[in-house]
Amino acid sequence: MASGGERPDLEALNELEEVLRHFETELAGWRRRALAAEQRLSDSAGAGAEASPGASRLEAENRELSQRLQHARSRVSDLLERLRFLEQQQRGNGGFA
């Protein structure tokens, strides 16, 4: 149980909200970077062979960002499961923390 009379479901909800705020900030940053990368790729499309090294770098960056996004999704999913569990526990205790 939580110390100081704090409800465990509220603690989990607060933690989830914090993670989601962080996730939202990172997602906005990734979107800006992706849009900038797309623009650079589009600008260099007319350059022919010169675009290939830049495209490889962007593909590697995209893979890294996809991995980070998957990790963040997994963490949010874990927190949601924790919150569901705590809600079920609370309902099982007659609604008392």
PDB file of N, CA and C in Angstrom:
ATOM      1  N   MET A   1       0.834  -1.196   0.000  1.00  0.00           N
ATOM      2  CA  MET A   1       0.000   0.000   0.000  1.00  0.00           C
ATOM      3  C   MET A   1       0.875   1.254   0.000  1.00  0.00           C
ATOM      4  N   ALA A   2       0.298   2.332  -0.402  1.00  0.00           N
ATOM      5  CA  ALA A   2       1.020   3.597  -0.447  1.00  0.00           C
ATOM      6  C   ALA A   2       1.118   4.166   0.959  1.00  0.00           C
ATOM      7  N   SER A   3       2.186   4.886   1.188  1.00  0.00           N
ATOM      8  CA  SER A   3       2.386   5.476   2.499  1.00  0.00           C
ATOM      9  C   SER A   3       1.699   6.831   2.574  1.00  0.00           C
ATOM     10  N   GLY A   4       1.402   7.264   3.793  1.00  0.00           N
ATOM     11  CA  GLY A   4       0.838   8.589   3.996  1.00  0.00           C
ATOM     12  C   GLY A   4      -0.607   8.705   3.554  1.00  0.00           C
ATOM     13  N   GLY A   5      -1.306   7.590   3.393  1.00  0.00           N
ATOM     14  CA  GLY A   5      -2.704   7.644   3.025  1.00  0.00           C
ATOM     15  C   GLY A   5      -2.957   7.901   1.556  1.00  0.00           C
ATOM     16  N   GLU A   6      -1.920   7.986   0.745  1.00  0.00           N
ATOM     17  CA  GLU A   6      -2.109   8.233  -0.683  1.00  0.00           C
ATOM     18  C   GLU A   6      -2.614   6.966  -1.353  1.00  0.00           C
ATOM     19  N   ARG A   7      -3.591   7.131  -2.228  1.00  0.00           N
ATOM     20  CA  ARG A   7      -4.170   5.983  -2.927  1.00  0.00           C
ATOM     21  C   ARG A   7      -3.209   5.502  -4.009  1.00  0.00           C
ATOM     22  N   PRO A   8      -2.989   4.186  -4.095  1.00  0.00           N
ATOM     23  CA  PRO A   8      -2.055   3.652  -5.093  1.00  0.00           C
ATOM     24  C   PRO A   8      -2.514   3.918  -6.519  1.00  0.00           C
ATOM     25  N   ASP A   9      -3.829   3.961  -6.757  1.00  0.00           N
ATOM     26  CA  ASP A   9      -4.296   4.218  -8.112  1.00  0.00           C
ATOM     27  C   ASP A   9      -3.986   5.650  -8.534  1.00  0.00           C
ATOM     28  N   LEU A  10      -4.058   6.580  -7.602  1.00  0.00           N
ATOM     29  CA  LEU A  10      -3.717   7.970  -7.926  1.00  0.00           C
ATOM     30  C   LEU A  10      -2.221   8.118  -8.188  1.00  0.00           C
ATOM     31  N   GLU A  11      -1.433   7.386  -7.423  1.00  0.00           N
ATOM     32  CA  GLU A  11       0.015   7.408  -7.630  1.00  0.00           C
ATOM     33  C   GLU A  11       0.351   6.887  -9.029  1.00  0.00           C
ATOM     34  N   ALA A  12      -0.267   5.781  -9.419  1.00  0.00           N
ATOM     35  CA  ALA A  12      -0.035   5.211 -10.753  1.00  0.00           C
ATOM     36  C   ALA A  12      -0.533   6.162 -11.838  1.00  0.00           C
ATOM     37  N   LEU A  13      -1.681   6.785 -11.614  1.00  0.00           N
ATOM     38  CA  LEU A  13      -2.220   7.729 -12.588  1.00  0.00           C
ATOM     39  C   LEU A  13      -1.295   8.936 -12.749  1.00  0.00           C
ATOM     40  N   ASN A  14      -0.768   9.443 -11.653  1.00  0.00           N
ATOM     41  CA  ASN A  14       0.172  10.563 -11.721  1.00  0.00           C
ATOM     42  C   ASN A  14       1.428  10.184 -12.487  1.00  0.00           C
ATOM     43  N   GLU A  15       1.910   8.957 -12.246  1.00  0.00           N
ATOM     44  CA  GLU A  15       3.095   8.480 -12.955  1.00  0.00           C
ATOM     45  C   GLU A  15       2.799   8.344 -14.449  1.00  0.00           C
ATOM     46  N   LEU A  16       1.628   7.828 -14.776  1.00  0.00           N
ATOM     47  CA  LEU A  16       1.228   7.691 -16.180  1.00  0.00           C
ATOM     48  C   LEU A  16       1.127   9.055 -16.854  1.00  0.00           C
ATOM     49  N   GLU A  17       0.536  10.014 -16.178  1.00  0.00           N
ATOM     50  CA  GLU A  17       0.424  11.360 -16.749  1.00  0.00           C
ATOM     51  C   GLU A  17       1.799  11.962 -17.003  1.00  0.00           C
ATOM     52  N   GLU A  18       2.728  11.749 -16.083  1.00  0.00           N
ATOM     53  CA  GLU A  18       4.084  12.264 -16.257  1.00  0.00           C
ATOM     54  C   GLU A  18       4.759  11.624 -17.472  1.00  0.00           C
ATOM     55  N   VAL A  19       4.616  10.312 -17.613  1.00  0.00           N
ATOM     56  CA  VAL A  19       5.199   9.605 -18.753  1.00  0.00           C
ATOM     57  C   VAL A  19       4.578  10.107 -20.052  1.00  0.00           C
ATOM     58  N   LEU A  20       3.264  10.289 -20.054  1.00  0.00           N
ATOM     59  CA  LEU A  20       2.592  10.756 -21.266  1.00  0.00           C
ATOM     60  C   LEU A  20       3.019  12.176 -21.642  1.00  0.00           C
ATOM     61  N   ARG A  21       3.219  13.039 -20.650  1.00  0.00           N
ATOM     62  CA  ARG A  21       3.712  14.397 -20.951  1.00  0.00           C
ATOM     63  C   ARG A  21       5.099  14.319 -21.580  1.00  0.00           C
ATOM     64  N   HIS A  22       5.960  13.484 -21.019  1.00  0.00           N
ATOM     65  CA  HIS A  22       7.306  13.315 -21.563  1.00  0.00           C
ATOM     66  C   HIS A  22       7.231  12.739 -22.977  1.00  0.00           C
ATOM     67  N   PHE A  23       6.365  11.743 -23.153  1.00  0.00           N
ATOM     68  CA  PHE A  23       6.178  11.107 -24.457  1.00  0.00           C
ATOM     69  C   PHE A  23       5.683  12.122 -25.485  1.00  0.00           C
ATOM     70  N   GLU A  24       4.746  12.965 -25.089  1.00  0.00           N
ATOM     71  CA  GLU A  24       4.210  13.988 -25.997  1.00  0.00           C
ATOM     72  C   GLU A  24       5.309  14.957 -26.440  1.00  0.00           C
ATOM     73  N   THR A  25       6.157  15.361 -25.509  1.00  0.00           N
ATOM     74  CA  THR A  25       7.256  16.267 -25.832  1.00  0.00           C
ATOM     75  C   THR A  25       8.231  15.604 -26.793  1.00  0.00           C
ATOM     76  N   GLU A  26       8.589  14.351 -26.509  1.00  0.00           N
ATOM     77  CA  GLU A  26       9.507  13.635 -27.398  1.00  0.00           C
ATOM     78  C   GLU A  26       8.898  13.411 -28.769  1.00  0.00           C
ATOM     79  N   LEU A  27       7.625  13.062 -28.796  1.00  0.00           N
ATOM     80  CA  LEU A  27       6.946  12.826 -30.068  1.00  0.00           C
ATOM     81  C   LEU A  27       6.936  14.095 -30.923  1.00  0.00           C
ATOM     82  N   ALA A  28       6.699  15.235 -30.303  1.00  0.00           N
ATOM     83  CA  ALA A  28       6.725  16.500 -31.045  1.00  0.00           C
ATOM     84  C   ALA A  28       8.121  16.758 -31.615  1.00  0.00           C
ATOM     85  N   GLY A  29       9.146  16.457 -30.832  1.00  0.00           N
ATOM     86  CA  GLY A  29      10.518  16.614 -31.311  1.00  0.00           C
ATOM     87  C   GLY A  29      10.818  15.676 -32.463  1.00  0.00           C
ATOM     88  N   TRP A  30      10.369  14.432 -32.360  1.00  0.00           N
ATOM     89  CA  TRP A  30      10.583  13.456 -33.441  1.00  0.00           C
ATOM     90  C   TRP A  30       9.870  13.901 -34.709  1.00  0.00           C
ATOM     91  N   ARG A  31       8.660  14.447 -34.539  1.00  0.00           N
ATOM     92  CA  ARG A  31       7.903  14.909 -35.707  1.00  0.00           C
ATOM     93  C   ARG A  31       8.640  16.050 -36.402  1.00  0.00           C
ATOM     94  N   ARG A  32       9.149  16.996 -35.620  1.00  0.00           N
ATOM     95  CA  ARG A  32       9.912  18.112 -36.215  1.00  0.00           C
ATOM     96  C   ARG A  32      11.127  17.580 -36.964  1.00  0.00           C
ATOM     97  N   ARG A  33      11.826  16.635 -36.346  1.00  0.00           N
ATOM     98  CA  ARG A  33      13.023  16.078 -36.990  1.00  0.00           C
ATOM     99  C   ARG A  33      12.658  15.315 -38.259  1.00  0.00           C
ATOM    100  N   ALA A  34      11.573  14.563 -38.218  1.00  0.00           N
ATOM    101  CA  ALA A  34      11.147  13.803 -39.397  1.00  0.00           C
ATOM    102  C   ALA A  34      10.756  14.741 -40.533  1.00  0.00           C
ATOM    103  N   LEU A  35      10.023  15.794 -40.195  1.00  0.00           N
ATOM    104  CA  LEU A  35       9.633  16.755 -41.232  1.00  0.00           C
ATOM    105  C   LEU A  35      10.857  17.444 -41.829  1.00  0.00           C
ATOM    106  N   ALA A  36      11.812  17.797 -40.973  1.00  0.00           N
ATOM    107  CA  ALA A  36      13.041  18.427 -41.467  1.00  0.00           C
ATOM    108  C   ALA A  36      13.825  17.449 -42.340  1.00  0.00           C
ATOM    109  N   ALA A  37      13.886  16.189 -41.925  1.00  0.00           N
ATOM    110  CA  ALA A  37      14.602  15.173 -42.707  1.00  0.00           C
ATOM    111  C   ALA A  37      13.919  14.953 -44.048  1.00  0.00           C
ATOM    112  N   GLU A  38      12.598  14.901 -44.050  1.00  0.00           N
ATOM    113  CA  GLU A  38      11.871  14.745 -45.306  1.00  0.00           C
ATOM    114  C   GLU A  38      12.136  15.919 -46.238  1.00  0.00           C
ATOM    115  N   GLN A  39      12.184  17.102 -45.668  1.00  0.00           N
ATOM    116  CA  GLN A  39      12.447  18.282 -46.485  1.00  0.00           C
ATOM    117  C   GLN A  39      13.858  18.227 -47.074  1.00  0.00           C
ATOM    118  N   ARG A  40      14.833  17.846 -46.246  1.00  0.00           N
ATOM    119  CA  ARG A  40      16.210  17.733 -46.748  1.00  0.00           C
ATOM    120  C   ARG A  40      16.298  16.679 -47.843  1.00  0.00           C
ATOM    121  N   LEU A  41      15.606  15.562 -47.640  1.00  0.00           N
ATOM    122  CA  LEU A  41      15.611  14.484 -48.631  1.00  0.00           C
ATOM    123  C   LEU A  41      14.948  14.954 -49.923  1.00  0.00           C
ATOM    124  N   SER A  42      13.863  15.661 -49.781  1.00  0.00           N
ATOM    125  CA  SER A  42      13.160  16.187 -50.948  1.00  0.00           C
ATOM    126  C   SER A  42      14.039  17.195 -51.693  1.00  0.00           C
ATOM    127  N   ASP A  43      14.718  18.048 -50.938  1.00  0.00           N
ATOM    128  CA  ASP A  43      15.595  19.051 -51.549  1.00  0.00           C
ATOM    129  C   ASP A  43      16.768  18.411 -52.280  1.00  0.00           C
ATOM    130  N   SER A  44      17.254  17.278 -51.739  1.00  0.00           N
ATOM    131  CA  SER A  44      18.420  16.642 -52.344  1.00  0.00           C
ATOM    132  C   SER A  44      18.049  15.600 -53.397  1.00  0.00           C
ATOM    133  N   ALA A  45      16.748  15.371 -53.610  1.00  0.00           N
ATOM    134  CA  ALA A  45      16.312  14.357 -54.583  1.00  0.00           C
ATOM    135  C   ALA A  45      16.823  14.673 -55.983  1.00  0.00           C
ATOM    136  N   GLY A  46      16.936  15.927 -56.307  1.00  0.00           N
ATOM    137  CA  GLY A  46      17.427  16.316 -57.623  1.00  0.00           C
ATOM    138  C   GLY A  46      18.929  16.183 -57.747  1.00  0.00           C
ATOM    139  N   ALA A  47      19.616  15.901 -56.648  1.00  0.00           N
ATOM    140  CA  ALA A  47      21.074  15.825 -56.673  1.00  0.00           C
ATOM    141  C   ALA A  47      21.571  14.463 -57.132  1.00  0.00           C
ATOM    142  N   GLY A  48      20.683  13.504 -57.359  1.00  0.00           N
ATOM    143  CA  GLY A  48      21.084  12.188 -57.864  1.00  0.00           C
ATOM    144  C   GLY A  48      21.828  11.374 -56.837  1.00  0.00           C
ATOM    145  N   ALA A  49      23.033  10.939 -57.169  1.00  0.00           N
ATOM    146  CA  ALA A  49      23.833  10.049 -56.320  1.00  0.00           C
ATOM    147  C   ALA A  49      24.229  10.710 -55.009  1.00  0.00           C
ATOM    148  N   GLU A  50      24.289  12.014 -54.983  1.00  0.00           N
ATOM    149  CA  GLU A  50      24.686  12.707 -53.749  1.00  0.00           C
ATOM    150  C   GLU A  50      23.666  12.509 -52.633  1.00  0.00           C
ATOM    151  N   ALA A  51      22.434  12.164 -52.964  1.00  0.00           N
ATOM    152  CA  ALA A  51      21.399  11.992 -51.946  1.00  0.00           C
ATOM    153  C   ALA A  51      21.553  10.679 -51.194  1.00  0.00           C
ATOM    154  N   SER A  52      22.239   9.691 -51.773  1.00  0.00           N
ATOM    155  CA  SER A  52      22.331   8.368 -51.175  1.00  0.00           C
ATOM    156  C   SER A  52      22.958   8.359 -49.778  1.00  0.00           C
ATOM    157  N   PRO A  53      24.117   8.991 -49.537  1.00  0.00           N
ATOM    158  CA  PRO A  53      24.675   8.976 -48.170  1.00  0.00           C
ATOM    159  C   PRO A  53      23.748   9.657 -47.166  1.00  0.00           C
ATOM    160  N   GLY A  54      23.119  10.734 -47.578  1.00  0.00           N
ATOM    161  CA  GLY A  54      22.180  11.421 -46.692  1.00  0.00           C
ATOM    162  C   GLY A  54      20.969  10.558 -46.399  1.00  0.00           C
ATOM    163  N   ALA A  55      20.495   9.844 -47.414  1.00  0.00           N
ATOM    164  CA  ALA A  55      19.336   8.972 -47.229  1.00  0.00           C
ATOM    165  C   ALA A  55      19.670   7.834 -46.276  1.00  0.00           C
ATOM    166  N   SER A  56      20.865   7.285 -46.373  1.00  0.00           N
ATOM    167  CA  SER A  56      21.273   6.201 -45.463  1.00  0.00           C
ATOM    168  C   SER A  56      21.304   6.691 -44.025  1.00  0.00           C
ATOM    169  N   ARG A  57      21.810   7.873 -43.830  1.00  0.00           N
ATOM    170  CA  ARG A  57      21.870   8.463 -42.483  1.00  0.00           C
ATOM    171  C   ARG A  57      20.453   8.688 -41.947  1.00  0.00           C
ATOM    172  N   LEU A  58      19.563   9.175 -42.794  1.00  0.00           N
ATOM    173  CA  LEU A  58      18.190   9.414 -42.374  1.00  0.00           C
ATOM    174  C   LEU A  58      17.468   8.109 -42.070  1.00  0.00           C
ATOM    175  N   GLU A  59      17.739   7.073 -42.848  1.00  0.00           N
ATOM    176  CA  GLU A  59      17.132   5.772 -42.582  1.00  0.00           C
ATOM    177  C   GLU A  59      17.597   5.223 -41.243  1.00  0.00           C
ATOM    178  N   ALA A  60      18.879   5.380 -40.940  1.00  0.00           N
ATOM    179  CA  ALA A  60      19.407   4.919 -39.647  1.00  0.00           C
ATOM    180  C   ALA A  60      18.765   5.707 -38.504  1.00  0.00           C
ATOM    181  N   GLU A  61      18.620   7.006 -38.691  1.00  0.00           N
ATOM    182  CA  GLU A  61      17.988   7.841 -37.676  1.00  0.00           C
ATOM    183  C   GLU A  61      16.525   7.423 -37.499  1.00  0.00           C
ATOM    184  N   ASN A  62      15.862   7.124 -38.599  1.00  0.00           N
ATOM    185  CA  ASN A  62      14.466   6.688 -38.535  1.00  0.00           C
ATOM    186  C   ASN A  62      14.339   5.380 -37.763  1.00  0.00           C
ATOM    187  N   ARG A  63      15.257   4.438 -37.998  1.00  0.00           N
ATOM    188  CA  ARG A  63      15.227   3.166 -37.257  1.00  0.00           C
ATOM    189  C   ARG A  63      15.401   3.412 -35.755  1.00  0.00           C
ATOM    190  N   GLU A  64      16.344   4.280 -35.415  1.00  0.00           N
ATOM    191  CA  GLU A  64      16.579   4.586 -33.994  1.00  0.00           C
ATOM    192  C   GLU A  64      15.338   5.213 -33.364  1.00  0.00           C
ATOM    193  N   LEU A  65      14.732   6.159 -34.064  1.00  0.00           N
ATOM    194  CA  LEU A  65      13.537   6.815 -33.533  1.00  0.00           C
ATOM    195  C   LEU A  65      12.377   5.829 -33.410  1.00  0.00           C
ATOM    196  N   SER A  66      12.266   4.910 -34.345  1.00  0.00           N
ATOM    197  CA  SER A  66      11.215   3.894 -34.267  1.00  0.00           C
ATOM    198  C   SER A  66      11.417   3.006 -33.042  1.00  0.00           C
ATOM    199  N   GLN A  67      12.659   2.657 -32.756  1.00  0.00           N
ATOM    200  CA  GLN A  67      12.950   1.843 -31.567  1.00  0.00           C
ATOM    201  C   GLN A  67      12.599   2.608 -30.291  1.00  0.00           C
ATOM    202  N   ARG A  68      12.948   3.875 -30.252  1.00  0.00           N
ATOM    203  CA  ARG A  68      12.631   4.686 -29.074  1.00  0.00           C
ATOM    204  C   ARG A  68      11.124   4.828 -28.898  1.00  0.00           C
ATOM    205  N   LEU A  69      10.405   4.995 -30.008  1.00  0.00           N
ATOM    206  CA  LEU A  69       8.956   5.098 -29.953  1.00  0.00           C
ATOM    207  C   LEU A  69       8.346   3.801 -29.445  1.00  0.00           C
ATOM    208  N   GLN A  70       8.844   2.670 -29.912  1.00  0.00           N
ATOM    209  CA  GLN A  70       8.337   1.373 -29.452  1.00  0.00           C
ATOM    210  C   GLN A  70       8.599   1.201 -27.953  1.00  0.00           C
ATOM    211  N   HIS A  71       9.767   1.623 -27.498  1.00  0.00           N
ATOM    212  CA  HIS A  71      10.084   1.537 -26.065  1.00  0.00           C
ATOM    213  C   HIS A  71       9.110   2.400 -25.258  1.00  0.00           C
ATOM    214  N   ALA A  72       8.839   3.598 -25.730  1.00  0.00           N
ATOM    215  CA  ALA A  72       7.914   4.491 -25.020  1.00  0.00           C
ATOM    216  C   ALA A  72       6.508   3.895 -25.006  1.00  0.00           C
ATOM    217  N   ARG A  73       6.072   3.313 -26.120  1.00  0.00           N
ATOM    218  CA  ARG A  73       4.754   2.676 -26.165  1.00  0.00           C
ATOM    219  C   ARG A  73       4.681   1.527 -25.160  1.00  0.00           C
ATOM    220  N   SER A  74       5.743   0.757 -25.082  1.00  0.00           N
ATOM    221  CA  SER A  74       5.783  -0.365 -24.154  1.00  0.00           C
ATOM    222  C   SER A  74       5.676   0.127 -22.714  1.00  0.00           C
ATOM    223  N   ARG A  75       6.383   1.195 -22.404  1.00  0.00           N
ATOM    224  CA  ARG A  75       6.350   1.733 -21.042  1.00  0.00           C
ATOM    225  C   ARG A  75       4.955   2.251 -20.684  1.00  0.00           C
ATOM    226  N   VAL A  76       4.321   2.949 -21.626  1.00  0.00           N
ATOM    227  CA  VAL A  76       2.966   3.444 -21.396  1.00  0.00           C
ATOM    228  C   VAL A  76       2.014   2.273 -21.209  1.00  0.00           C
ATOM    229  N   SER A  77       2.155   1.239 -22.015  1.00  0.00           N
ATOM    230  CA  SER A  77       1.307   0.055 -21.889  1.00  0.00           C
ATOM    231  C   SER A  77       1.480  -0.591 -20.515  1.00  0.00           C
ATOM    232  N   ASP A  78       2.716  -0.706 -20.059  1.00  0.00           N
ATOM    233  CA  ASP A  78       2.980  -1.278 -18.734  1.00  0.00           C
ATOM    234  C   ASP A  78       2.306  -0.456 -17.635  1.00  0.00           C
ATOM    235  N   LEU A  79       2.389   0.862 -17.753  1.00  0.00           N
ATOM    236  CA  LEU A  79       1.763   1.721 -16.748  1.00  0.00           C
ATOM    237  C   LEU A  79       0.243   1.607 -16.788  1.00  0.00           C
ATOM    238  N   LEU A  80      -0.324   1.495 -17.978  1.00  0.00           N
ATOM    239  CA  LEU A  80      -1.771   1.318 -18.083  1.00  0.00           C
ATOM    240  C   LEU A  80      -2.212   0.005 -17.438  1.00  0.00           C
ATOM    241  N   GLU A  81      -1.443  -1.053 -17.657  1.00  0.00           N
ATOM    242  CA  GLU A  81      -1.754  -2.334 -17.027  1.00  0.00           C
ATOM    243  C   GLU A  81      -1.676  -2.222 -15.509  1.00  0.00           C
ATOM    244  N   ARG A  82      -0.687  -1.520 -15.034  1.00  0.00           N
ATOM    245  CA  ARG A  82      -0.535  -1.329 -13.581  1.00  0.00           C
ATOM    246  C   ARG A  82      -1.737  -0.572 -13.022  1.00  0.00           C
ATOM    247  N   LEU A  83      -2.152   0.455 -13.743  1.00  0.00           N
ATOM    248  CA  LEU A  83      -3.294   1.248 -13.307  1.00  0.00           C
ATOM    249  C   LEU A  83      -4.567   0.404 -13.308  1.00  0.00           C
ATOM    250  N   ARG A  84      -4.770  -0.407 -14.340  1.00  0.00           N
ATOM    251  CA  ARG A  84      -5.946  -1.297 -14.391  1.00  0.00           C
ATOM    252  C   ARG A  84      -5.940  -2.267 -13.206  1.00  0.00           C
ATOM    253  N   PHE A  85      -4.771  -2.822 -12.912  1.00  0.00           N
ATOM    254  CA  PHE A  85      -4.648  -3.747 -11.793  1.00  0.00           C
ATOM    255  C   PHE A  85      -5.021  -3.059 -10.482  1.00  0.00           C
ATOM    256  N   LEU A  86      -4.513  -1.859 -10.287  1.00  0.00           N
ATOM    257  CA  LEU A  86      -4.810  -1.135  -9.057  1.00  0.00           C
ATOM    258  C   LEU A  86      -6.289  -0.788  -8.958  1.00  0.00           C
ATOM    259  N   GLU A  87      -6.904  -0.434 -10.094  1.00  0.00           N
ATOM    260  CA  GLU A  87      -8.332  -0.152 -10.087  1.00  0.00           C
ATOM    261  C   GLU A  87      -9.135  -1.403  -9.724  1.00  0.00           C
ATOM    262  N   GLN A  88      -8.725  -2.559 -10.260  1.00  0.00           N
ATOM    263  CA  GLN A  88      -9.406  -3.810  -9.937  1.00  0.00           C
ATOM    264  C   GLN A  88      -9.244  -4.145  -8.457  1.00  0.00           C
ATOM    265  N   GLN A  89      -8.064  -3.920  -7.936  1.00  0.00           N
ATOM    266  CA  GLN A  89      -7.818  -4.174  -6.510  1.00  0.00           C
ATOM    267  C   GLN A  89      -8.709  -3.284  -5.659  1.00  0.00           C
ATOM    268  N   GLN A  90      -8.805  -2.029  -6.055  1.00  0.00           N
ATOM    269  CA  GLN A  90      -9.601  -1.087  -5.280  1.00  0.00           C
ATOM    270  C   GLN A  90     -11.074  -1.489  -5.313  1.00  0.00           C
ATOM    271  N   ARG A  91     -11.571  -1.897  -6.484  1.00  0.00           N
ATOM    272  CA  ARG A  91     -12.951  -2.355  -6.571  1.00  0.00           C
ATOM    273  C   ARG A  91     -13.179  -3.595  -5.725  1.00  0.00           C
ATOM    274  N   GLY A  92     -12.184  -4.472  -5.681  1.00  0.00           N
ATOM    275  CA  GLY A  92     -12.283  -5.691  -4.880  1.00  0.00           C
ATOM    276  C   GLY A  92     -12.306  -5.417  -3.392  1.00  0.00           C
ATOM    277  N   ASN A  93     -11.743  -4.281  -2.984  1.00  0.00           N
ATOM    278  CA  ASN A  93     -11.713  -3.904  -1.560  1.00  0.00           C
ATOM    279  C   ASN A  93     -12.898  -3.021  -1.214  1.00  0.00           C
ATOM    280  N   GLY A  94     -13.920  -3.021  -2.029  1.00  0.00           N
ATOM    281  CA  GLY A  94     -15.097  -2.211  -1.736  1.00  0.00           C
ATOM    282  C   GLY A  94     -14.885  -0.742  -1.997  1.00  0.00           C
ATOM    283  N   GLY A  95     -13.856  -0.413  -2.809  1.00  0.00           N
ATOM    284  CA  GLY A  95     -13.631   0.985  -3.144  1.00  0.00           C
ATOM    285  C   GLY A  95     -12.782   1.734  -2.138  1.00  0.00           C
ATOM    286  N   PHE A  96     -12.218   1.007  -1.173  1.00  0.00           N
ATOM    287  CA  PHE A  96     -11.377   1.654  -0.166  1.00  0.00           C
ATOM    288  C   PHE A  96      -9.922   1.379  -0.456  1.00  0.00           C
ATOM    289  N   ALA A  97      -9.109   2.416  -0.323  1.00  0.00           N
ATOM    290  CA  ALA A  97      -7.664   2.261  -0.583  1.00  0.00           C
ATOM    291  C   ALA A  97      -6.972   1.742   0.644  1.00  0.00           C
TER     292      ALA A  97
END
